[in-house]
mmCIF file of all heavy atoms, coordinates in Angstrom:
data_MODEL
# 
_entry.id   MODEL 
# 
loop_
_atom_site.group_PDB 
_atom_site.id 
_atom_site.type_symbol 
_atom_site.label_atom_id 
_atom_site.label_alt_id 
_atom_site.label_comp_id 
_atom_site.label_asym_id 
_atom_site.label_entity_id 
_atom_site.label_seq_id 
_atom_site.pdbx_PDB_ins_code 
_atom_site.Cartn_x 
_atom_site.Cartn_y 
_atom_site.Cartn_z 
_atom_site.occupancy 
_atom_site.B_iso_or_equiv 
_atom_site.pdbx_formal_charge 
_atom_site.auth_seq_id 
_atom_site.auth_comp_id 
_atom_site.auth_asym_id 
_atom_site.auth_atom_id 
_atom_site.pdbx_PDB_model_num 
ATOM 1   N N   . ALA A 1 1  ? 103.770 77.195 104.843 1.00 0.00 ? 1  ALA A N   1 
ATOM 2   C CA  . ALA A 1 1  ? 102.637 77.700 105.632 1.00 0.00 ? 1  ALA A CA  1 
ATOM 3   C C   . ALA A 1 1  ? 103.101 77.840 107.071 1.00 0.00 ? 1  ALA A C   1 
ATOM 4   O O   . ALA A 1 1  ? 103.727 76.922 107.616 1.00 0.00 ? 1  ALA A O   1 
ATOM 5   C CB  . ALA A 1 1  ? 101.443 76.751 105.554 1.00 0.00 ? 1  ALA A CB  1 
ATOM 6   N N   . ALA A 1 2  ? 102.817 78.972 107.676 1.00 0.00 ? 2  ALA A N   1 
ATOM 7   C CA  . ALA A 1 2  ? 103.334 79.279 109.009 1.00 0.00 ? 2  ALA A CA  1 
ATOM 8   C C   . ALA A 1 2  ? 102.253 79.146 110.075 1.00 0.00 ? 2  ALA A C   1 
ATOM 9   O O   . ALA A 1 2  ? 101.143 79.656 109.916 1.00 0.00 ? 2  ALA A O   1 
ATOM 10  C CB  . ALA A 1 2  ? 103.895 80.696 109.039 1.00 0.00 ? 2  ALA A CB  1 
ATOM 11  N N   . ASP A 1 3  ? 102.602 78.474 111.154 1.00 0.00 ? 3  ASP A N   1 
ATOM 12  C CA  . ASP A 1 3  ? 101.824 78.546 112.384 1.00 0.00 ? 3  ASP A CA  1 
ATOM 13  C C   . ASP A 1 3  ? 102.461 79.644 113.229 1.00 0.00 ? 3  ASP A C   1 
ATOM 14  O O   . ASP A 1 3  ? 103.609 79.513 113.664 1.00 0.00 ? 3  ASP A O   1 
ATOM 15  C CB  . ASP A 1 3  ? 101.864 77.207 113.111 1.00 0.00 ? 3  ASP A CB  1 
ATOM 16  C CG  . ASP A 1 3  ? 101.060 77.202 114.410 1.00 0.00 ? 3  ASP A CG  1 
ATOM 17  O OD1 . ASP A 1 3  ? 100.901 78.272 115.028 1.00 0.00 ? 3  ASP A OD1 1 
ATOM 18  O OD2 . ASP A 1 3  ? 100.598 76.117 114.820 1.00 0.00 ? 3  ASP A OD2 1 
ATOM 19  N N   . CYS A 1 4  ? 101.737 80.727 113.439 1.00 0.00 ? 4  CYS A N   1 
ATOM 20  C CA  . CYS A 1 4  ? 102.303 81.880 114.167 1.00 0.00 ? 4  CYS A CA  1 
ATOM 21  C C   . CYS A 1 4  ? 101.700 82.037 115.559 1.00 0.00 ? 4  CYS A C   1 
ATOM 22  O O   . CYS A 1 4  ? 101.717 83.143 116.125 1.00 0.00 ? 4  CYS A O   1 
ATOM 23  C CB  . CYS A 1 4  ? 102.105 83.159 113.355 1.00 0.00 ? 4  CYS A CB  1 
ATOM 24  S SG  . CYS A 1 4  ? 103.122 83.218 111.876 1.00 0.00 ? 4  CYS A SG  1 
ATOM 25  N N   . SER A 1 5  ? 101.162 80.957 116.106 1.00 0.00 ? 5  SER A N   1 
ATOM 26  C CA  . SER A 1 5  ? 100.543 81.059 117.431 1.00 0.00 ? 5  SER A CA  1 
ATOM 27  C C   . SER A 1 5  ? 101.558 81.415 118.512 1.00 0.00 ? 5  SER A C   1 
ATOM 28  O O   . SER A 1 5  ? 101.252 82.157 119.451 1.00 0.00 ? 5  SER A O   1 
ATOM 29  C CB  . SER A 1 5  ? 99.829  79.757 117.781 1.00 0.00 ? 5  SER A CB  1 
ATOM 30  O OG  . SER A 1 5  ? 100.704 78.644 117.688 1.00 0.00 ? 5  SER A OG  1 
ATOM 31  N N   . ARG A 1 6  ? 102.777 80.916 118.380 1.00 0.00 ? 6  ARG A N   1 
ATOM 32  C CA  . ARG A 1 6  ? 103.796 81.260 119.391 1.00 0.00 ? 6  ARG A CA  1 
ATOM 33  C C   . ARG A 1 6  ? 104.176 82.731 119.304 1.00 0.00 ? 6  ARG A C   1 
ATOM 34  O O   . ARG A 1 6  ? 104.368 83.396 120.319 1.00 0.00 ? 6  ARG A O   1 
ATOM 35  C CB  . ARG A 1 6  ? 105.033 80.388 119.210 1.00 0.00 ? 6  ARG A CB  1 
ATOM 36  C CG  . ARG A 1 6  ? 104.809 78.919 119.506 1.00 0.00 ? 6  ARG A CG  1 
ATOM 37  C CD  . ARG A 1 6  ? 106.140 78.203 119.683 1.00 0.00 ? 6  ARG A CD  1 
ATOM 38  N NE  . ARG A 1 6  ? 105.996 76.762 119.693 1.00 0.00 ? 6  ARG A NE  1 
ATOM 39  C CZ  . ARG A 1 6  ? 106.717 75.948 120.456 1.00 0.00 ? 6  ARG A CZ  1 
ATOM 40  N NH1 . ARG A 1 6  ? 107.630 76.445 121.261 1.00 0.00 ? 6  ARG A NH1 1 
ATOM 41  N NH2 . ARG A 1 6  ? 106.539 74.640 120.392 1.00 0.00 ? 6  ARG A NH2 1 
ATOM 42  N N   . LEU A 1 7  ? 104.305 83.233 118.081 1.00 0.00 ? 7  LEU A N   1 
ATOM 43  C CA  . LEU A 1 7  ? 104.611 84.655 117.909 1.00 0.00 ? 7  LEU A CA  1 
ATOM 44  C C   . LEU A 1 7  ? 103.514 85.508 118.516 1.00 0.00 ? 7  LEU A C   1 
ATOM 45  O O   . LEU A 1 7  ? 103.792 86.482 119.242 1.00 0.00 ? 7  LEU A O   1 
ATOM 46  C CB  . LEU A 1 7  ? 104.768 84.980 116.425 1.00 0.00 ? 7  LEU A CB  1 
ATOM 47  C CG  . LEU A 1 7  ? 105.031 86.449 116.096 1.00 0.00 ? 7  LEU A CG  1 
ATOM 48  C CD1 . LEU A 1 7  ? 106.453 86.837 116.497 1.00 0.00 ? 7  LEU A CD1 1 
ATOM 49  C CD2 . LEU A 1 7  ? 104.808 86.720 114.601 1.00 0.00 ? 7  LEU A CD2 1 
ATOM 50  N N   . GLN A 1 8  ? 102.270 85.177 118.235 1.00 0.00 ? 8  GLN A N   1 
ATOM 51  C CA  . GLN A 1 8  ? 101.157 85.965 118.760 1.00 0.00 ? 8  GLN A CA  1 
ATOM 52  C C   . GLN A 1 8  ? 101.133 85.927 120.282 1.00 0.00 ? 8  GLN A C   1 
ATOM 53  O O   . GLN A 1 8  ? 100.870 86.951 120.941 1.00 0.00 ? 8  GLN A O   1 
ATOM 54  C CB  . GLN A 1 8  ? 99.834  85.456 118.198 1.00 0.00 ? 8  GLN A CB  1 
ATOM 55  C CG  . GLN A 1 8  ? 98.645  86.323 118.592 1.00 0.00 ? 8  GLN A CG  1 
ATOM 56  C CD  . GLN A 1 8  ? 97.452  86.113 117.691 1.00 0.00 ? 8  GLN A CD  1 
ATOM 57  O OE1 . GLN A 1 8  ? 97.378  85.131 116.961 1.00 0.00 ? 8  GLN A OE1 1 
ATOM 58  N NE2 . GLN A 1 8  ? 96.515  87.042 117.737 1.00 0.00 ? 8  GLN A NE2 1 
ATOM 59  N N   . ALA A 1 9  ? 101.401 84.765 120.871 1.00 0.00 ? 9  ALA A N   1 
ATOM 60  C CA  . ALA A 1 9  ? 101.430 84.672 122.328 1.00 0.00 ? 9  ALA A CA  1 
ATOM 61  C C   . ALA A 1 9  ? 102.556 85.510 122.920 1.00 0.00 ? 9  ALA A C   1 
ATOM 62  O O   . ALA A 1 9  ? 102.424 86.069 124.019 1.00 0.00 ? 9  ALA A O   1 
ATOM 63  C CB  . ALA A 1 9  ? 101.578 83.207 122.757 1.00 0.00 ? 9  ALA A CB  1 
ATOM 64  N N   . TRP A 1 10 ? 103.667 85.648 122.165 1.00 0.00 ? 10 TRP A N   1 
ATOM 65  C CA  . TRP A 1 10 ? 104.845 86.354 122.679 1.00 0.00 ? 10 TRP A CA  1 
ATOM 66  C C   . TRP A 1 10 ? 104.704 87.866 122.572 1.00 0.00 ? 10 TRP A C   1 
ATOM 67  O O   . TRP A 1 10 ? 105.062 88.596 123.501 1.00 0.00 ? 10 TRP A O   1 
ATOM 68  C CB  . TRP A 1 10 ? 106.082 85.875 121.919 1.00 0.00 ? 10 TRP A CB  1 
ATOM 69  C CG  . TRP A 1 10 ? 107.395 86.362 122.453 1.00 0.00 ? 10 TRP A CG  1 
ATOM 70  C CD1 . TRP A 1 10 ? 108.208 87.307 121.898 1.00 0.00 ? 10 TRP A CD1 1 
ATOM 71  C CD2 . TRP A 1 10 ? 108.059 85.925 123.645 1.00 0.00 ? 10 TRP A CD2 1 
ATOM 72  N NE1 . TRP A 1 10 ? 109.338 87.483 122.660 1.00 0.00 ? 10 TRP A NE1 1 
ATOM 73  C CE2 . TRP A 1 10 ? 109.279 86.651 123.748 1.00 0.00 ? 10 TRP A CE2 1 
ATOM 74  C CE3 . TRP A 1 10 ? 107.745 84.990 124.635 1.00 0.00 ? 10 TRP A CE3 1 
ATOM 75  C CZ2 . TRP A 1 10 ? 110.170 86.459 124.802 1.00 0.00 ? 10 TRP A CZ2 1 
ATOM 76  C CZ3 . TRP A 1 10 ? 108.643 84.807 125.683 1.00 0.00 ? 10 TRP A CZ3 1 
ATOM 77  C CH2 . TRP A 1 10 ? 109.834 85.540 125.754 1.00 0.00 ? 10 TRP A CH2 1 
ATOM 78  N N   . ILE A 1 11 ? 104.187 88.357 121.432 1.00 0.00 ? 11 ILE A N   1 
ATOM 79  C CA  . ILE A 1 11 ? 104.153 89.812 121.213 1.00 0.00 ? 11 ILE A CA  1 
ATOM 80  C C   . ILE A 1 11 ? 102.737 90.384 121.090 1.00 0.00 ? 11 ILE A C   1 
ATOM 81  O O   . ILE A 1 11 ? 102.573 91.590 120.946 1.00 0.00 ? 11 ILE A O   1 
ATOM 82  C CB  . ILE A 1 11 ? 104.962 90.214 119.961 1.00 0.00 ? 11 ILE A CB  1 
ATOM 83  C CG1 . ILE A 1 11 ? 104.364 89.594 118.688 1.00 0.00 ? 11 ILE A CG1 1 
ATOM 84  C CG2 . ILE A 1 11 ? 106.432 89.836 120.128 1.00 0.00 ? 11 ILE A CG2 1 
ATOM 85  C CD1 . ILE A 1 11 ? 105.018 90.103 117.408 1.00 0.00 ? 11 ILE A CD1 1 
ATOM 86  N N   . GLY A 1 12 ? 101.731 89.515 121.120 1.00 0.00 ? 12 GLY A N   1 
ATOM 87  C CA  . GLY A 1 12 ? 100.357 90.000 121.108 1.00 0.00 ? 12 GLY A CA  1 
ATOM 88  C C   . GLY A 1 12 ? 99.786  90.315 119.745 1.00 0.00 ? 12 GLY A C   1 
ATOM 89  O O   . GLY A 1 12 ? 98.687  90.878 119.657 1.00 0.00 ? 12 GLY A O   1 
ATOM 90  N N   . THR A 1 13 ? 100.495 89.973 118.676 1.00 0.00 ? 13 THR A N   1 
ATOM 91  C CA  . THR A 1 13 ? 99.987  90.227 117.330 1.00 0.00 ? 13 THR A CA  1 
ATOM 92  C C   . THR A 1 13 ? 100.650 89.275 116.359 1.00 0.00 ? 13 THR A C   1 
ATOM 93  O O   . THR A 1 13 ? 101.598 88.564 116.715 1.00 0.00 ? 13 THR A O   1 
ATOM 94  C CB  . THR A 1 13 ? 100.239 91.682 116.896 1.00 0.00 ? 13 THR A CB  1 
ATOM 95  O OG1 . THR A 1 13 ? 99.526  91.961 115.691 1.00 0.00 ? 13 THR A OG1 1 
ATOM 96  C CG2 . THR A 1 13 ? 101.719 91.961 116.683 1.00 0.00 ? 13 THR A CG2 1 
ATOM 97  N N   . ARG A 1 14 ? 100.142 89.274 115.132 1.00 0.00 ? 14 ARG A N   1 
ATOM 98  C CA  . ARG A 1 14 ? 100.722 88.456 114.069 1.00 0.00 ? 14 ARG A CA  1 
ATOM 99  C C   . ARG A 1 14 ? 100.397 89.135 112.751 1.00 0.00 ? 14 ARG A C   1 
ATOM 100 O O   . ARG A 1 14 ? 99.513  89.987 112.674 1.00 0.00 ? 14 ARG A O   1 
ATOM 101 C CB  . ARG A 1 14 ? 100.135 87.046 114.093 1.00 0.00 ? 14 ARG A CB  1 
ATOM 102 C CG  . ARG A 1 14 ? 98.634  87.014 113.949 1.00 0.00 ? 14 ARG A CG  1 
ATOM 103 C CD  . ARG A 1 14 ? 98.083  85.615 114.010 1.00 0.00 ? 14 ARG A CD  1 
ATOM 104 N NE  . ARG A 1 14 ? 98.519  84.816 112.890 1.00 0.00 ? 14 ARG A NE  1 
ATOM 105 C CZ  . ARG A 1 14 ? 98.432  83.485 112.841 1.00 0.00 ? 14 ARG A CZ  1 
ATOM 106 N NH1 . ARG A 1 14 ? 97.927  82.820 113.874 1.00 0.00 ? 14 ARG A NH1 1 
ATOM 107 N NH2 . ARG A 1 14 ? 98.827  82.826 111.775 1.00 0.00 ? 14 ARG A NH2 1 
ATOM 108 N N   . PRO A 1 15 ? 101.105 88.812 111.663 1.00 0.00 ? 15 PRO A N   1 
ATOM 109 C CA  . PRO A 1 15 ? 100.797 89.404 110.360 1.00 0.00 ? 15 PRO A CA  1 
ATOM 110 C C   . PRO A 1 15 ? 99.339  89.177 109.973 1.00 0.00 ? 15 PRO A C   1 
ATOM 111 O O   . PRO A 1 15 ? 98.790  88.095 110.187 1.00 0.00 ? 15 PRO A O   1 
ATOM 112 C CB  . PRO A 1 15 ? 101.748 88.679 109.408 1.00 0.00 ? 15 PRO A CB  1 
ATOM 113 C CG  . PRO A 1 15 ? 102.926 88.333 110.270 1.00 0.00 ? 15 PRO A CG  1 
ATOM 114 C CD  . PRO A 1 15 ? 102.332 87.975 111.601 1.00 0.00 ? 15 PRO A CD  1 
ATOM 115 N N   . SER A 1 16 ? 98.713  90.227 109.398 1.00 0.00 ? 16 SER A N   1 
ATOM 116 C CA  . SER A 1 16 ? 97.286  90.119 109.098 1.00 0.00 ? 16 SER A CA  1 
ATOM 117 C C   . SER A 1 16 ? 96.860  90.825 107.816 1.00 0.00 ? 16 SER A C   1 
ATOM 118 O O   . SER A 1 16 ? 95.694  90.738 107.423 1.00 0.00 ? 16 SER A O   1 
ATOM 119 C CB  . SER A 1 16 ? 96.458  90.688 110.262 1.00 0.00 ? 16 SER A CB  1 
ATOM 120 O OG  . SER A 1 16 ? 96.779  92.056 110.480 1.00 0.00 ? 16 SER A OG  1 
ATOM 121 N N   . THR A 1 17 ? 97.749  91.544 107.148 1.00 0.00 ? 17 THR A N   1 
ATOM 122 C CA  . THR A 1 17 ? 97.375  92.263 105.928 1.00 0.00 ? 17 THR A CA  1 
ATOM 123 C C   . THR A 1 17 ? 96.994  91.276 104.829 1.00 0.00 ? 17 THR A C   1 
ATOM 124 O O   . THR A 1 17 ? 97.759  90.359 104.520 1.00 0.00 ? 17 THR A O   1 
ATOM 125 C CB  . THR A 1 17 ? 98.531  93.157 105.442 1.00 0.00 ? 17 THR A CB  1 
ATOM 126 O OG1 . THR A 1 17 ? 98.854  94.089 106.473 1.00 0.00 ? 17 THR A OG1 1 
ATOM 127 C CG2 . THR A 1 17 ? 98.149  93.915 104.182 1.00 0.00 ? 17 THR A CG2 1 
ATOM 128 N N   . SER A 1 18 ? 95.810  91.461 104.235 1.00 0.00 ? 18 SER A N   1 
ATOM 129 C CA  . SER A 1 18 ? 95.340  90.543 103.201 1.00 0.00 ? 18 SER A CA  1 
ATOM 130 C C   . SER A 1 18 ? 96.186  90.670 101.939 1.00 0.00 ? 18 SER A C   1 
ATOM 131 O O   . SER A 1 18 ? 96.800  91.706 101.675 1.00 0.00 ? 18 SER A O   1 
ATOM 132 C CB  . SER A 1 18 ? 93.883  90.825 102.865 1.00 0.00 ? 18 SER A CB  1 
ATOM 133 O OG  . SER A 1 18 ? 93.754  92.069 102.200 1.00 0.00 ? 18 SER A OG  1 
ATOM 134 N N   . LEU A 1 19 ? 96.187  89.603 101.137 1.00 0.00 ? 19 LEU A N   1 
ATOM 135 C CA  . LEU A 1 19 ? 96.956  89.616 99.897  1.00 0.00 ? 19 LEU A CA  1 
ATOM 136 C C   . LEU A 1 19 ? 96.465  90.717 98.960  1.00 0.00 ? 19 LEU A C   1 
ATOM 137 O O   . LEU A 1 19 ? 97.283  91.397 98.328  1.00 0.00 ? 19 LEU A O   1 
ATOM 138 C CB  . LEU A 1 19 ? 96.853  88.258 99.203  1.00 0.00 ? 19 LEU A CB  1 
ATOM 139 C CG  . LEU A 1 19 ? 97.666  88.132 97.910  1.00 0.00 ? 19 LEU A CG  1 
ATOM 140 C CD1 . LEU A 1 19 ? 99.148  88.118 98.213  1.00 0.00 ? 19 LEU A CD1 1 
ATOM 141 C CD2 . LEU A 1 19 ? 97.264  86.874 97.136  1.00 0.00 ? 19 LEU A CD2 1 
ATOM 142 N N   . SER A 1 20 ? 95.164  90.911 98.864  1.00 0.00 ? 20 SER A N   1 
ATOM 143 C CA  . SER A 1 20 ? 94.643  91.923 97.941  1.00 0.00 ? 20 SER A CA  1 
ATOM 144 C C   . SER A 1 20 ? 95.120  93.318 98.316  1.00 0.00 ? 20 SER A C   1 
ATOM 145 O O   . SER A 1 20 ? 95.512  94.107 97.444  1.00 0.00 ? 20 SER A O   1 
ATOM 146 C CB  . SER A 1 20 ? 93.114  91.879 97.911  1.00 0.00 ? 20 SER A CB  1 
ATOM 147 O OG  . SER A 1 20 ? 92.560  92.121 99.195  1.00 0.00 ? 20 SER A OG  1 
ATOM 148 N N   . ILE A 1 21 ? 95.106  93.642 99.597  1.00 0.00 ? 21 ILE A N   1 
ATOM 149 C CA  . ILE A 1 21 ? 95.585  94.961 100.036 1.00 0.00 ? 21 ILE A CA  1 
ATOM 150 C C   . ILE A 1 21 ? 97.089  95.081 99.810  1.00 0.00 ? 21 ILE A C   1 
ATOM 151 O O   . ILE A 1 21 ? 97.581  96.091 99.287  1.00 0.00 ? 21 ILE A O   1 
ATOM 152 C CB  . ILE A 1 21 ? 95.241  95.188 101.521 1.00 0.00 ? 21 ILE A CB  1 
ATOM 153 C CG1 . ILE A 1 21 ? 93.726  95.357 101.693 1.00 0.00 ? 21 ILE A CG1 1 
ATOM 154 C CG2 . ILE A 1 21 ? 95.985  96.408 102.071 1.00 0.00 ? 21 ILE A CG2 1 
ATOM 155 C CD1 . ILE A 1 21 ? 93.276  95.450 103.141 1.00 0.00 ? 21 ILE A CD1 1 
ATOM 156 N N   . GLY A 1 22 ? 97.826  94.057 100.184 1.00 0.00 ? 22 GLY A N   1 
ATOM 157 C CA  . GLY A 1 22 ? 99.275  94.101 100.021 1.00 0.00 ? 22 GLY A CA  1 
ATOM 158 C C   . GLY A 1 22 ? 99.694  94.216 98.571  1.00 0.00 ? 22 GLY A C   1 
ATOM 159 O O   . GLY A 1 22 ? 100.599 94.994 98.231  1.00 0.00 ? 22 GLY A O   1 
ATOM 160 N N   . ILE A 1 23 ? 99.045  93.473 97.687  1.00 0.00 ? 23 ILE A N   1 
ATOM 161 C CA  . ILE A 1 23 ? 99.394  93.523 96.270  1.00 0.00 ? 23 ILE A CA  1 
ATOM 162 C C   . ILE A 1 23 ? 99.003  94.865 95.661  1.00 0.00 ? 23 ILE A C   1 
ATOM 163 O O   . ILE A 1 23 ? 99.736  95.414 94.827  1.00 0.00 ? 23 ILE A O   1 
ATOM 164 C CB  . ILE A 1 23 ? 98.727  92.362 95.511  1.00 0.00 ? 23 ILE A CB  1 
ATOM 165 C CG1 . ILE A 1 23 ? 99.428  91.045 95.852  1.00 0.00 ? 23 ILE A CG1 1 
ATOM 166 C CG2 . ILE A 1 23 ? 98.758  92.599 94.002  1.00 0.00 ? 23 ILE A CG2 1 
ATOM 167 C CD1 . ILE A 1 23 ? 100.875 90.974 95.396  1.00 0.00 ? 23 ILE A CD1 1 
ATOM 168 N N   . ASP A 1 24 ? 97.891  95.441 96.071  1.00 0.00 ? 24 ASP A N   1 
ATOM 169 C CA  . ASP A 1 24 ? 97.515  96.774 95.578  1.00 0.00 ? 24 ASP A CA  1 
ATOM 170 C C   . ASP A 1 24 ? 98.587  97.805 95.948  1.00 0.00 ? 24 ASP A C   1 
ATOM 171 O O   . ASP A 1 24 ? 98.968  98.645 95.123  1.00 0.00 ? 24 ASP A O   1 
ATOM 172 C CB  . ASP A 1 24 ? 96.170  97.204 96.163  1.00 0.00 ? 24 ASP A CB  1 
ATOM 173 C CG  . ASP A 1 24 ? 94.988  96.610 95.409  1.00 0.00 ? 24 ASP A CG  1 
ATOM 174 O OD1 . ASP A 1 24 ? 95.195  96.080 94.303  1.00 0.00 ? 24 ASP A OD1 1 
ATOM 175 O OD2 . ASP A 1 24 ? 93.864  96.684 95.926  1.00 0.00 ? 24 ASP A OD2 1 
# 
């Protein structure tokens, strides 16, 4: 399980695509 708060603070975004959309 990833804590991506540092990534979001650095580049302004983080992965967000839901599993259902990605698997489809």
